[in-house]
Amino acid sequence: MPAVEPPQPAEHRVSPTIGKIERVRLRQVWQHEALNFTTWLEENIDVLNSELGLNLTNVDRERSAGAFNIDLVAEDETGGVAVIENQLERSNHDHLGKLITYTAFMEARAAIWIVSDPRPEHVRAISWLNEGAGAGFYLVKLEGIRIGDSPPAPLLTLIVGPSEESREVGEAKKERAERYGVRRRFWTGLLDAAKAKTRLHSAVSPGEYGWLGAGAGKSGLSFTYTTGQHRVGVELYIDRGQDMDDENQRIFASLLEHRSEIEERYGSPLSWEPLESRRACRIAERFDIGGYRDDERWEEIHATMVDAMVRLEAALRPHIAKLA
């Protein structure tokens, strides 16, 4: 058997030489943004591709965009346009505006902003753009580094870029905004229809949510319209606030004692809901005749809701007036 060398004493072991990264001022590496850095990036686009996971080619410098010149314009593997805006300083609104302008002008699929110091508000702005814009926006931090006496090298770090999550958030926001807009139009039509029948909601403005209420003359009580996508309703909603569960139940019980009289005057049975798992209570009727998504039937839906609200107020108002 070959001889086994005994382990070396700790003091005789040789440690590998490990260099230390030092930051280099960008202006020491690229004195002029357009003449030096932009030219360097044009010739070394693979460095940017590696950091962003892109495959940009056919890079052109100083491409005209109306009265402006874009630092760099490139193409991805499908022929889509990418615009690149360079800034060897802290991010500012001027360059963000340019990036958005260039992206719109070129109908770009990717917009890349390279800065030395990304401000938090601009990080947030780029994240926001990725939620709703058609292009993918990238914010990249640029640093100059060296190890020992090595030549300076660029260090590119992606701060924020497009992602599946940001696209999903954008779609959700878009859907929510569209839903809010439809409901506002639904309530506008309802309030217009109600004017000829009652002044109960005359001081109320159309909102964006699934309910629209007006005070019933007693604290914590409101006559409320409700709408879902394909269902609507009218109700007296009872909620005198936090820690008032017993008070809400007392009011509800007081009205419930007159159920037969109230429903007779209303003209049909009502749904009496103490909502024991919540602090509020309500007395309601719902109609499966359509909702805010059924715009072709809004006139009929609004007429039904207004008629029901007029009858509900007439049936409940005398009893509400007697409440403490």
C-alpha atoms as a PDB file:
ATOM      1  CA  MET A   1       0.000   0.000   0.000  1.00  0.00           C
ATOM      2  CA  PRO A   2       1.251   3.494  -0.753  1.00  0.00           C
ATOM      3  CA  ALA A   3       2.263   5.519   2.223  1.00  0.00           C
ATOM      4  CA  VAL A   4      -0.365   7.956   3.508  1.00  0.00           C
ATOM      5  CA  GLU A   5       0.983  11.391   4.237  1.00  0.00           C
ATOM      6  CA  PRO A   6       0.063  12.654   7.680  1.00  0.00           C
ATOM      7  CA  PRO A   7      -2.184  15.728   7.748  1.00  0.00           C
ATOM      8  CA  GLN A   8      -0.362  19.029   7.654  1.00  0.00           C
ATOM      9  CA  PRO A   9      -0.427  21.206  10.741  1.00  0.00           C
ATOM     10  CA  ALA A  10      -2.925  24.065  10.474  1.00  0.00           C
ATOM     11  CA  GLU A  11      -0.122  26.626  10.274  1.00  0.00           C
ATOM     12  CA  HIS A  12       1.304  24.883   7.168  1.00  0.00           C
ATOM     13  CA  ARG A  13      -1.955  24.746   5.177  1.00  0.00           C
ATOM     14  CA  VAL A  14      -2.134  27.060   2.125  1.00  0.00           C
ATOM     15  CA  SER A  15      -5.317  29.118   1.775  1.00  0.00           C
ATOM     16  CA  PRO A  16      -6.484  30.129  -1.714  1.00  0.00           C
ATOM     17  CA  THR A  17      -6.146  33.778  -2.553  1.00  0.00           C
ATOM     18  CA  ILE A  18      -9.571  35.427  -2.490  1.00  0.00           C
ATOM     19  CA  GLY A  19      -9.956  38.819  -4.043  1.00  0.00           C
ATOM     20  CA  LYS A  20     -12.143  41.599  -2.748  1.00  0.00           C
ATOM     21  CA  ILE A  21     -14.660  43.387  -4.940  1.00  0.00           C
ATOM     22  CA  GLU A  22     -14.188  47.123  -5.019  1.00  0.00           C
ATOM     23  CA  ARG A  23     -16.709  49.597  -6.400  1.00  0.00           C
ATOM     24  CA  VAL A  24     -15.483  51.938  -9.129  1.00  0.00           C
ATOM     25  CA  ARG A  25     -17.173  55.233  -9.928  1.00  0.00           C
ATOM     26  CA  LEU A  26     -19.016  54.836 -13.199  1.00  0.00           C
ATOM     27  CA  ARG A  27     -17.572  58.038 -14.639  1.00  0.00           C
ATOM     28  CA  GLN A  28     -14.110  56.546 -14.164  1.00  0.00           C
ATOM     29  CA  VAL A  29     -15.140  53.624 -16.357  1.00  0.00           C
ATOM     30  CA  TRP A  30     -17.318  55.433 -18.886  1.00  0.00           C
ATOM     31  CA  GLN A  31     -16.621  59.143 -18.830  1.00  0.00           C
ATOM     32  CA  HIS A  32     -19.443  60.031 -21.210  1.00  0.00           C
ATOM     33  CA  GLU A  33     -22.807  58.289 -21.170  1.00  0.00           C
ATOM     34  CA  ALA A  34     -23.606  58.439 -24.891  1.00  0.00           C
ATOM     35  CA  LEU A  35     -20.105  58.274 -26.349  1.00  0.00           C
ATOM     36  CA  ASN A  36     -18.660  55.680 -23.993  1.00  0.00           C
ATOM     37  CA  PHE A  37     -21.253  53.589 -22.148  1.00  0.00           C
ATOM     38  CA  THR A  38     -23.889  53.439 -24.879  1.00  0.00           C
ATOM     39  CA  THR A  39     -21.228  52.493 -27.411  1.00  0.00           C
ATOM     40  CA  TRP A  40     -19.858  49.830 -25.082  1.00  0.00           C
ATOM     41  CA  LEU A  41     -23.326  48.367 -24.485  1.00  0.00           C
ATOM     42  CA  GLU A  42     -24.046  48.295 -28.198  1.00  0.00           C
ATOM     43  CA  GLU A  43     -20.975  46.122 -28.678  1.00  0.00           C
ATOM     44  CA  ASN A  44     -21.573  44.012 -25.557  1.00  0.00           C
ATOM     45  CA  ILE A  45     -25.327  43.498 -25.565  1.00  0.00           C
ATOM     46  CA  ASP A  46     -24.757  39.868 -24.484  1.00  0.00           C
ATOM     47  CA  VAL A  47     -23.915  41.161 -20.983  1.00  0.00           C
ATOM     48  CA  LEU A  48     -27.399  42.652 -20.721  1.00  0.00           C
ATOM     49  CA  ASN A  49     -29.002  39.591 -22.319  1.00  0.00           C
ATOM     50  CA  SER A  50     -27.388  37.375 -19.708  1.00  0.00           C
ATOM     51  CA  GLU A  51     -28.780  39.391 -16.796  1.00  0.00           C
ATOM     52  CA  LEU A  52     -32.308  39.788 -18.175  1.00  0.00           C
ATOM     53  CA  GLY A  53     -32.696  36.414 -19.863  1.00  0.00           C
ATOM     54  CA  LEU A  54     -33.320  38.077 -23.236  1.00  0.00           C
ATOM     55  CA  ASN A  55     -31.882  37.528 -26.694  1.00  0.00           C
ATOM     56  CA  LEU A  56     -31.491  41.031 -28.114  1.00  0.00           C
ATOM     57  CA  THR A  57     -29.702  41.518 -31.425  1.00  0.00           C
ATOM     58  CA  ASN A  58     -29.398  44.055 -34.247  1.00  0.00           C
ATOM     59  CA  VAL A  59     -28.611  46.895 -31.880  1.00  0.00           C
ATOM     60  CA  ASP A  60     -28.766  50.445 -33.264  1.00  0.00           C
ATOM     61  CA  ARG A  61     -27.565  53.590 -31.524  1.00  0.00           C
ATOM     62  CA  GLU A  62     -29.291  57.007 -31.423  1.00  0.00           C
ATOM     63  CA  ARG A  63     -32.422  55.912 -33.320  1.00  0.00           C
ATOM     64  CA  SER A  64     -34.744  58.857 -34.031  1.00  0.00           C
ATOM     65  CA  ALA A  65     -38.078  59.017 -32.218  1.00  0.00           C
ATOM     66  CA  GLY A  66     -39.724  62.200 -33.460  1.00  0.00           C
ATOM     67  CA  ALA A  67     -37.747  65.097 -31.967  1.00  0.00           C
ATOM     68  CA  PHE A  68     -35.778  62.739 -29.690  1.00  0.00           C
ATOM     69  CA  ASN A  69     -33.052  60.140 -30.079  1.00  0.00           C
ATOM     70  CA  ILE A  70     -33.273  56.754 -28.382  1.00  0.00           C
ATOM     71  CA  ASP A  71     -30.024  55.549 -26.801  1.00  0.00           C
ATOM     72  CA  LEU A  72     -30.338  51.999 -28.167  1.00  0.00           C
ATOM     73  CA  VAL A  73     -32.923  50.065 -30.119  1.00  0.00           C
ATOM     74  CA  ALA A  74     -32.672  46.292 -30.508  1.00  0.00           C
ATOM     75  CA  GLU A  75     -34.747  43.327 -31.654  1.00  0.00           C
ATOM     76  CA  ASP A  76     -35.725  40.180 -29.798  1.00  0.00           C
ATOM     77  CA  GLU A  77     -35.812  36.712 -31.366  1.00  0.00           C
ATOM     78  CA  THR A  78     -39.304  37.291 -32.798  1.00  0.00           C
ATOM     79  CA  GLY A  79     -38.459  40.661 -34.328  1.00  0.00           C
ATOM     80  CA  GLY A  80     -40.097  42.663 -31.549  1.00  0.00           C
ATOM     81  CA  VAL A  81     -38.560  46.022 -30.690  1.00  0.00           C
ATOM     82  CA  ALA A  82     -36.739  46.738 -27.429  1.00  0.00           C
ATOM     83  CA  VAL A  83     -35.751  50.278 -26.411  1.00  0.00           C
ATOM     84  CA  ILE A  84     -32.904  50.952 -23.991  1.00  0.00           C
ATOM     85  CA  GLU A  85     -32.463  54.185 -22.035  1.00  0.00           C
ATOM     86  CA  ASN A  86     -29.142  54.678 -20.243  1.00  0.00           C
ATOM     87  CA  GLN A  87     -28.535  56.941 -17.282  1.00  0.00           C
ATOM     88  CA  LEU A  88     -25.181  56.937 -15.455  1.00  0.00           C
ATOM     89  CA  GLU A  89     -26.733  58.633 -12.451  1.00  0.00           C
ATOM     90  CA  ARG A  90     -29.681  58.387 -10.095  1.00  0.00           C
ATOM     91  CA  SER A  91     -32.996  57.692 -11.809  1.00  0.00           C
ATOM     92  CA  ASN A  92     -35.166  60.734 -12.459  1.00  0.00           C
ATOM     93  CA  HIS A  93     -38.567  61.612 -13.863  1.00  0.00           C
ATOM     94  CA  ASP A  94     -37.121  63.016 -17.076  1.00  0.00           C
ATOM     95  CA  HIS A  95     -35.603  59.699 -18.132  1.00  0.00           C
ATOM     96  CA  LEU A  96     -38.679  57.758 -17.056  1.00  0.00           C
ATOM     97  CA  GLY A  97     -40.780  60.014 -19.264  1.00  0.00           C
ATOM     98  CA  LYS A  98     -38.403  59.468 -22.161  1.00  0.00           C
ATOM     99  CA  LEU A  99     -38.547  55.701 -21.694  1.00  0.00           C
ATOM    100  CA  ILE A 100     -42.349  55.697 -21.810  1.00  0.00           C
ATOM    101  CA  THR A 101     -42.378  58.035 -24.816  1.00  0.00           C
ATOM    102  CA  TYR A 102     -39.889  55.915 -26.748  1.00  0.00           C
ATOM    103  CA  THR A 103     -41.785  52.748 -25.908  1.00  0.00           C
ATOM    104  CA  ALA A 104     -45.037  54.193 -27.237  1.00  0.00           C
ATOM    105  CA  PHE A 105     -43.383  55.707 -30.327  1.00  0.00           C
ATOM    106  CA  MET A 106     -41.656  52.467 -31.306  1.00  0.00           C
ATOM    107  CA  GLU A 107     -44.527  50.229 -30.144  1.00  0.00           C
ATOM    108  CA  ALA A 108     -41.826  48.330 -28.286  1.00  0.00           C
ATOM    109  CA  ARG A 109     -42.310  45.000 -26.553  1.00  0.00           C
ATOM    110  CA  ALA A 110     -39.524  45.647 -24.054  1.00  0.00           C
ATOM    111  CA  ALA A 111     -38.349  48.852 -22.376  1.00  0.00           C
ATOM    112  CA  ILE A 112     -35.058  48.742 -20.478  1.00  0.00           C
ATOM    113  CA  TRP A 113     -33.884  51.538 -18.177  1.00  0.00           C
ATOM    114  CA  ILE A 114     -30.302  51.288 -16.936  1.00  0.00           C
ATOM    115  CA  VAL A 115     -29.389  53.566 -14.009  1.00  0.00           C
ATOM    116  CA  SER A 116     -26.698  53.819 -11.371  1.00  0.00           C
ATOM    117  CA  ASP A 117     -29.106  54.413  -8.483  1.00  0.00           C
ATOM    118  CA  PRO A 118     -32.780  53.466  -8.811  1.00  0.00           C
ATOM    119  CA  ARG A 119     -35.056  55.607  -6.632  1.00  0.00           C
ATOM    120  CA  PRO A 120     -37.742  53.666  -4.710  1.00  0.00           C
ATOM    121  CA  GLU A 121     -40.514  55.652  -6.376  1.00  0.00           C
ATOM    122  CA  HIS A 122     -39.199  54.672  -9.801  1.00  0.00           C
ATOM    123  CA  VAL A 123     -38.961  51.025  -8.801  1.00  0.00           C
ATOM    124  CA  ARG A 124     -42.626  51.255  -7.876  1.00  0.00           C
ATOM    125  CA  ALA A 125     -43.465  53.058 -11.120  1.00  0.00           C
ATOM    126  CA  ILE A 126     -41.843  50.344 -13.239  1.00  0.00           C
ATOM    127  CA  SER A 127     -43.662  47.649 -11.259  1.00  0.00           C
ATOM    128  CA  TRP A 128     -46.919  49.509 -11.869  1.00  0.00           C
ATOM    129  CA  LEU A 129     -46.226  49.799 -15.596  1.00  0.00           C
ATOM    130  CA  ASN A 130     -45.709  46.053 -15.785  1.00  0.00           C
ATOM    131  CA  GLU A 131     -49.204  45.537 -14.380  1.00  0.00           C
ATOM    132  CA  GLY A 132     -50.961  47.387 -17.152  1.00  0.00           C
ATOM    133  CA  ALA A 133     -48.736  48.279 -20.093  1.00  0.00           C
ATOM    134  CA  GLY A 134     -48.441  46.203 -23.229  1.00  0.00           C
ATOM    135  CA  ALA A 135     -44.647  46.199 -23.028  1.00  0.00           C
ATOM    136  CA  GLY A 136     -42.365  44.576 -20.471  1.00  0.00           C
ATOM    137  CA  PHE A 137     -40.463  47.188 -18.428  1.00  0.00           C
ATOM    138  CA  TYR A 138     -37.058  46.480 -16.874  1.00  0.00           C
ATOM    139  CA  LEU A 139     -35.199  48.612 -14.340  1.00  0.00           C
ATOM    140  CA  VAL A 140     -31.526  47.665 -14.169  1.00  0.00           C
ATOM    141  CA  LYS A 141     -28.877  48.917 -11.771  1.00  0.00           C
ATOM    142  CA  LEU A 142     -25.386  49.477 -13.211  1.00  0.00           C
ATOM    143  CA  GLU A 143     -22.230  49.439 -11.093  1.00  0.00           C
ATOM    144  CA  GLY A 144     -18.541  49.434 -11.904  1.00  0.00           C
ATOM    145  CA  ILE A 145     -16.410  46.912 -10.014  1.00  0.00           C
ATOM    146  CA  ARG A 146     -12.873  45.513  -9.971  1.00  0.00           C
ATOM    147  CA  ILE A 147     -11.013  42.836  -8.046  1.00  0.00           C
ATOM    148  CA  GLY A 148      -7.513  43.816  -7.015  1.00  0.00           C
ATOM    149  CA  ASP A 149      -5.702  45.327  -9.990  1.00  0.00           C
ATOM    150  CA  SER A 150      -8.101  43.909 -12.574  1.00  0.00           C
ATOM    151  CA  PRO A 151      -9.632  46.172 -15.217  1.00  0.00           C
ATOM    152  CA  PRO A 152     -12.990  47.628 -14.185  1.00  0.00           C
ATOM    153  CA  ALA A 153     -16.023  45.552 -15.148  1.00  0.00           C
ATOM    154  CA  PRO A 154     -19.751  46.246 -15.314  1.00  0.00           C
ATOM    155  CA  LEU A 155     -22.129  44.712 -12.804  1.00  0.00           C
ATOM    156  CA  LEU A 156     -25.717  44.739 -14.019  1.00  0.00           C
ATOM    157  CA  THR A 157     -28.468  43.840 -11.552  1.00  0.00           C
ATOM    158  CA  LEU A 158     -32.139  43.513 -12.456  1.00  0.00           C
ATOM    159  CA  ILE A 159     -34.144  45.502  -9.895  1.00  0.00           C
ATOM    160  CA  VAL A 160     -37.612  44.892 -11.299  1.00  0.00           C
ATOM    161  CA  GLY A 161     -38.958  43.406 -14.499  1.00  0.00           C
ATOM    162  CA  PRO A 162     -42.108  41.884 -15.977  1.00  0.00           C
ATOM    163  CA  SER A 163     -43.419  38.680 -14.432  1.00  0.00           C
ATOM    164  CA  GLU A 164     -46.430  36.410 -14.555  1.00  0.00           C
ATOM    165  CA  GLU A 165     -47.461  37.740 -11.159  1.00  0.00           C
ATOM    166  CA  SER A 166     -47.393  41.369 -12.335  1.00  0.00           C
ATOM    167  CA  ARG A 167     -49.436  40.463 -15.405  1.00  0.00           C
ATOM    168  CA  GLU A 168     -52.003  38.675 -13.227  1.00  0.00           C
ATOM    169  CA  VAL A 169     -52.190  41.689 -10.917  1.00  0.00           C
ATOM    170  CA  GLY A 170     -52.677  43.934 -13.941  1.00  0.00           C
ATOM    171  CA  GLU A 171     -55.470  41.765 -15.307  1.00  0.00           C
ATOM    172  CA  ALA A 172     -57.168  41.716 -11.915  1.00  0.00           C
ATOM    173  CA  LYS A 173     -56.972  45.517 -11.650  1.00  0.00           C
ATOM    174  CA  LYS A 174     -58.298  45.903 -15.169  1.00  0.00           C
ATOM    175  CA  GLU A 175     -61.215  43.566 -14.440  1.00  0.00           C
ATOM    176  CA  ARG A 176     -61.961  45.374 -11.178  1.00  0.00           C
ATOM    177  CA  ALA A 177     -61.903  48.779 -12.852  1.00  0.00           C
ATOM    178  CA  GLU A 178     -64.233  47.506 -15.552  1.00  0.00           C
ATOM    179  CA  ARG A 179     -66.579  46.024 -12.932  1.00  0.00           C
ATOM    180  CA  TYR A 180     -66.598  49.278 -10.950  1.00  0.00           C
ATOM    181  CA  GLY A 181     -67.379  51.228 -14.114  1.00  0.00           C
ATOM    182  CA  VAL A 182     -70.310  48.986 -15.016  1.00  0.00           C
ATOM    183  CA  ARG A 183     -71.754  49.232 -11.507  1.00  0.00           C
ATOM    184  CA  ARG A 184     -71.457  53.032 -11.537  1.00  0.00           C
ATOM    185  CA  ARG A 185     -73.472  53.133 -14.767  1.00  0.00           C
ATOM    186  CA  PHE A 186     -75.989  50.690 -13.258  1.00  0.00           C
ATOM    187  CA  TRP A 187     -76.517  52.919 -10.210  1.00  0.00           C
ATOM    188  CA  THR A 188     -76.736  56.048 -12.371  1.00  0.00           C
ATOM    189  CA  GLY A 189     -79.614  54.485 -14.300  1.00  0.00           C
ATOM    190  CA  LEU A 190     -81.303  53.334 -11.105  1.00  0.00           C
ATOM    191  CA  LEU A 191     -81.150  56.781  -9.487  1.00  0.00           C
ATOM    192  CA  ASP A 192     -82.548  58.358 -12.650  1.00  0.00           C
ATOM    193  CA  ALA A 193     -85.423  55.868 -12.621  1.00  0.00           C
ATOM    194  CA  ALA A 194     -86.070  56.467  -8.911  1.00  0.00           C
ATOM    195  CA  LYS A 195     -86.456  60.254  -9.220  1.00  0.00           C
ATOM    196  CA  ALA A 196     -90.005  59.987 -10.511  1.00  0.00           C
ATOM    197  CA  LYS A 197     -91.088  57.674  -7.663  1.00  0.00           C
ATOM    198  CA  THR A 198     -89.267  58.705  -4.476  1.00  0.00           C
ATOM    199  CA  ARG A 199     -86.849  61.235  -3.033  1.00  0.00           C
ATOM    200  CA  LEU A 200     -85.334  58.658  -0.674  1.00  0.00           C
ATOM    201  CA  HIS A 201     -82.001  58.397  -2.530  1.00  0.00           C
ATOM    202  CA  SER A 202     -82.073  61.827  -4.183  1.00  0.00           C
ATOM    203  CA  ALA A 203     -79.009  63.018  -2.227  1.00  0.00           C
ATOM    204  CA  VAL A 204     -76.986  59.883  -3.022  1.00  0.00           C
ATOM    205  CA  SER A 205     -74.364  59.743  -5.786  1.00  0.00           C
ATOM    206  CA  PRO A 206     -73.807  56.627  -7.905  1.00  0.00           C
ATOM    207  CA  GLY A 207     -70.959  54.528  -6.520  1.00  0.00           C
ATOM    208  CA  GLU A 208     -68.796  51.660  -7.651  1.00  0.00           C
ATOM    209  CA  TYR A 209     -69.758  48.978  -5.148  1.00  0.00           C
ATOM    210  CA  GLY A 210     -72.526  46.404  -4.925  1.00  0.00           C
ATOM    211  CA  TRP A 211     -74.761  48.487  -2.680  1.00  0.00           C
ATOM    212  CA  LEU A 212     -76.271  51.961  -2.517  1.00  0.00           C
ATOM    213  CA  GLY A 213     -77.875  53.201   0.682  1.00  0.00           C
ATOM    214  CA  ALA A 214     -79.688  56.180   2.194  1.00  0.00           C
ATOM    215  CA  GLY A 215     -80.440  56.922   5.823  1.00  0.00           C
ATOM    216  CA  ALA A 216     -83.768  55.675   7.194  1.00  0.00           C
ATOM    217  CA  GLY A 217     -84.153  58.472   9.729  1.00  0.00           C
ATOM    218  CA  LYS A 218     -82.673  56.637  12.703  1.00  0.00           C
ATOM    219  CA  SER A 219     -79.009  56.178  13.569  1.00  0.00           C
ATOM    220  CA  GLY A 220     -77.535  53.028  12.026  1.00  0.00           C
ATOM    221  CA  LEU A 221     -80.520  52.231   9.787  1.00  0.00           C
ATOM    222  CA  SER A 222     -80.433  52.591   6.013  1.00  0.00           C
ATOM    223  CA  PHE A 223     -82.644  51.708   3.071  1.00  0.00           C
ATOM    224  CA  THR A 224     -80.246  49.994   0.678  1.00  0.00           C
ATOM    225  CA  TYR A 225     -80.286  48.757  -2.893  1.00  0.00           C
ATOM    226  CA  THR A 226     -78.006  45.796  -3.658  1.00  0.00           C
ATOM    227  CA  THR A 227     -76.800  44.261  -6.902  1.00  0.00           C
ATOM    228  CA  GLY A 228     -74.789  41.261  -7.947  1.00  0.00           C
ATOM    229  CA  GLN A 229     -73.914  40.201 -11.452  1.00  0.00           C
ATOM    230  CA  HIS A 230     -77.332  38.624 -12.036  1.00  0.00           C
ATOM    231  CA  ARG A 231     -79.338  39.341  -8.874  1.00  0.00           C
ATOM    232  CA  VAL A 232     -80.624  42.472  -7.135  1.00  0.00           C
ATOM    233  CA  GLY A 233     -82.364  43.340  -3.889  1.00  0.00           C
ATOM    234  CA  VAL A 234     -83.736  45.972  -1.527  1.00  0.00           C
ATOM    235  CA  GLU A 235     -83.290  45.955   2.233  1.00  0.00           C
ATOM    236  CA  LEU A 236     -83.378  47.774   5.520  1.00  0.00           C
ATOM    237  CA  TYR A 237     -79.844  47.405   6.892  1.00  0.00           C
ATOM    238  CA  ILE A 238     -79.403  47.702  10.660  1.00  0.00           C
ATOM    239  CA  ASP A 239     -75.920  48.458  11.983  1.00  0.00           C
ATOM    240  CA  ARG A 240     -75.285  50.940  14.759  1.00  0.00           C
ATOM    241  CA  GLY A 241     -71.569  50.237  14.754  1.00  0.00           C
ATOM    242  CA  GLN A 242     -68.912  48.255  16.517  1.00  0.00           C
ATOM    243  CA  ASP A 243     -69.809  46.764  19.910  1.00  0.00           C
ATOM    244  CA  MET A 244     -73.499  47.459  19.249  1.00  0.00           C
ATOM    245  CA  ASP A 245     -74.518  43.869  18.441  1.00  0.00           C
ATOM    246  CA  ASP A 246     -77.127  43.769  21.230  1.00  0.00           C
ATOM    247  CA  GLU A 247     -78.570  47.099  20.089  1.00  0.00           C
ATOM    248  CA  ASN A 248     -78.839  45.875  16.501  1.00  0.00           C
ATOM    249  CA  GLN A 249     -80.598  42.713  17.647  1.00  0.00           C
ATOM    250  CA  ARG A 250     -82.965  44.751  19.828  1.00  0.00           C
ATOM    251  CA  ILE A 251     -84.022  46.903  16.894  1.00  0.00           C
ATOM    252  CA  PHE A 252     -84.419  43.862  14.687  1.00  0.00           C
ATOM    253  CA  ALA A 253     -86.530  42.064  17.297  1.00  0.00           C
ATOM    254  CA  SER A 254     -88.722  45.141  17.749  1.00  0.00           C
ATOM    255  CA  LEU A 255     -89.494  45.236  14.020  1.00  0.00           C
ATOM    256  CA  LEU A 256     -89.939  41.471  13.873  1.00  0.00           C
ATOM    257  CA  GLU A 257     -92.844  41.779  16.339  1.00  0.00           C
ATOM    258  CA  HIS A 258     -94.764  43.570  13.570  1.00  0.00           C
ATOM    259  CA  ARG A 259     -93.774  41.169  10.784  1.00  0.00           C
ATOM    260  CA  SER A 260     -97.290  40.328   9.649  1.00  0.00           C
ATOM    261  CA  GLU A 261     -98.337  43.978   9.465  1.00  0.00           C
ATOM    262  CA  ILE A 262     -95.124  44.993   7.672  1.00  0.00           C
ATOM    263  CA  GLU A 263     -95.303  42.199   5.097  1.00  0.00           C
ATOM    264  CA  GLU A 264     -98.999  42.825   4.472  1.00  0.00           C
ATOM    265  CA  ARG A 265     -98.318  46.454   3.667  1.00  0.00           C
ATOM    266  CA  TYR A 266     -95.244  45.590   1.629  1.00  0.00           C
ATOM    267  CA  GLY A 267     -97.308  43.149  -0.424  1.00  0.00           C
ATOM    268  CA  SER A 268     -95.227  39.971  -0.150  1.00  0.00           C
ATOM    269  CA  PRO A 269     -93.058  38.023   2.323  1.00  0.00           C
ATOM    270  CA  LEU A 270     -89.670  39.461   3.299  1.00  0.00           C
ATOM    271  CA  SER A 271     -86.440  37.787   4.323  1.00  0.00           C
ATOM    272  CA  TRP A 272     -85.746  38.508   8.033  1.00  0.00           C
ATOM    273  CA  GLU A 273     -82.045  38.011   8.653  1.00  0.00           C
ATOM    274  CA  PRO A 274     -80.569  38.503  12.144  1.00  0.00           C
ATOM    275  CA  LEU A 275     -77.072  37.656  10.751  1.00  0.00           C
ATOM    276  CA  GLU A 276     -75.960  36.232  14.079  1.00  0.00           C
ATOM    277  CA  SER A 277     -72.405  35.670  12.823  1.00  0.00           C
ATOM    278  CA  ARG A 278     -72.130  39.413  12.112  1.00  0.00           C
ATOM    279  CA  ARG A 279     -73.041  42.485  14.107  1.00  0.00           C
ATOM    280  CA  ALA A 280     -75.618  43.731  11.548  1.00  0.00           C
ATOM    281  CA  CYS A 281     -79.189  42.621  10.748  1.00  0.00           C
ATOM    282  CA  ARG A 282     -81.390  43.182   7.718  1.00  0.00           C
ATOM    283  CA  ILE A 283     -84.882  42.849   6.320  1.00  0.00           C
ATOM    284  CA  ALA A 284     -84.767  42.241   2.589  1.00  0.00           C
ATOM    285  CA  GLU A 285     -86.220  40.966  -0.640  1.00  0.00           C
ATOM    286  CA  ARG A 286     -84.129  39.730  -3.543  1.00  0.00           C
ATOM    287  CA  PHE A 287     -84.988  39.302  -7.190  1.00  0.00           C
ATOM    288  CA  ASP A 288     -83.475  36.810  -9.622  1.00  0.00           C
ATOM    289  CA  ILE A 289     -84.273  38.986 -12.632  1.00  0.00           C
ATOM    290  CA  GLY A 290     -80.728  40.030 -13.553  1.00  0.00           C
ATOM    291  CA  GLY A 291     -78.083  42.370 -12.203  1.00  0.00           C
ATOM    292  CA  TYR A 292     -75.431  44.840 -13.245  1.00  0.00           C
ATOM    293  CA  ARG A 293     -74.094  42.457 -15.914  1.00  0.00           C
ATOM    294  CA  ASP A 294     -77.465  42.276 -17.657  1.00  0.00           C
ATOM    295  CA  ASP A 295     -77.417  45.737 -19.210  1.00  0.00           C
ATOM    296  CA  GLU A 296     -79.977  44.852 -21.866  1.00  0.00           C
ATOM    297  CA  ARG A 297     -82.530  44.422 -19.029  1.00  0.00           C
ATOM    298  CA  TRP A 298     -81.534  47.345 -16.834  1.00  0.00           C
ATOM    299  CA  GLU A 299     -84.762  49.299 -17.454  1.00  0.00           C
ATOM    300  CA  GLU A 300     -86.883  46.387 -16.194  1.00  0.00           C
ATOM    301  CA  ILE A 301     -84.505  45.670 -13.294  1.00  0.00           C
ATOM    302  CA  HIS A 302     -84.431  49.301 -12.190  1.00  0.00           C
ATOM    303  CA  ALA A 303     -88.237  49.555 -12.309  1.00  0.00           C
ATOM    304  CA  THR A 304     -88.587  46.449 -10.133  1.00  0.00           C
ATOM    305  CA  MET A 305     -86.034  47.713  -7.603  1.00  0.00           C
ATOM    306  CA  VAL A 306     -87.558  51.177  -7.317  1.00  0.00           C
ATOM    307  CA  ASP A 307     -91.057  49.772  -6.885  1.00  0.00           C
ATOM    308  CA  ALA A 308     -89.833  47.393  -4.168  1.00  0.00           C
ATOM    309  CA  MET A 309     -87.951  50.161  -2.358  1.00  0.00           C
ATOM    310  CA  VAL A 310     -91.000  52.453  -2.346  1.00  0.00           C
ATOM    311  CA  ARG A 311     -93.111  49.655  -0.842  1.00  0.00           C
ATOM    312  CA  LEU A 312     -90.403  48.688   1.671  1.00  0.00           C
ATOM    313  CA  GLU A 313     -90.054  52.238   2.945  1.00  0.00           C
ATOM    314  CA  ALA A 314     -93.823  52.649   3.241  1.00  0.00           C
ATOM    315  CA  ALA A 315     -94.130  49.384   5.172  1.00  0.00           C
ATOM    316  CA  LEU A 316     -91.284  50.066   7.608  1.00  0.00           C
ATOM    317  CA  ARG A 317     -91.286  53.835   8.088  1.00  0.00           C
ATOM    318  CA  PRO A 318     -94.093  53.971  10.702  1.00  0.00           C
ATOM    319  CA  HIS A 319     -92.381  51.338  12.841  1.00  0.00           C
ATOM    320  CA  ILE A 320     -88.918  52.892  12.437  1.00  0.00           C
ATOM    321  CA  ALA A 321     -90.324  56.199  13.715  1.00  0.00           C
ATOM    322  CA  LYS A 322     -91.280  54.529  16.999  1.00  0.00           C
ATOM    323  CA  LEU A 323     -87.799  53.157  17.649  1.00  0.00           C
ATOM    324  CA  ALA A 324     -85.587  54.691  20.318  1.00  0.00           C
END
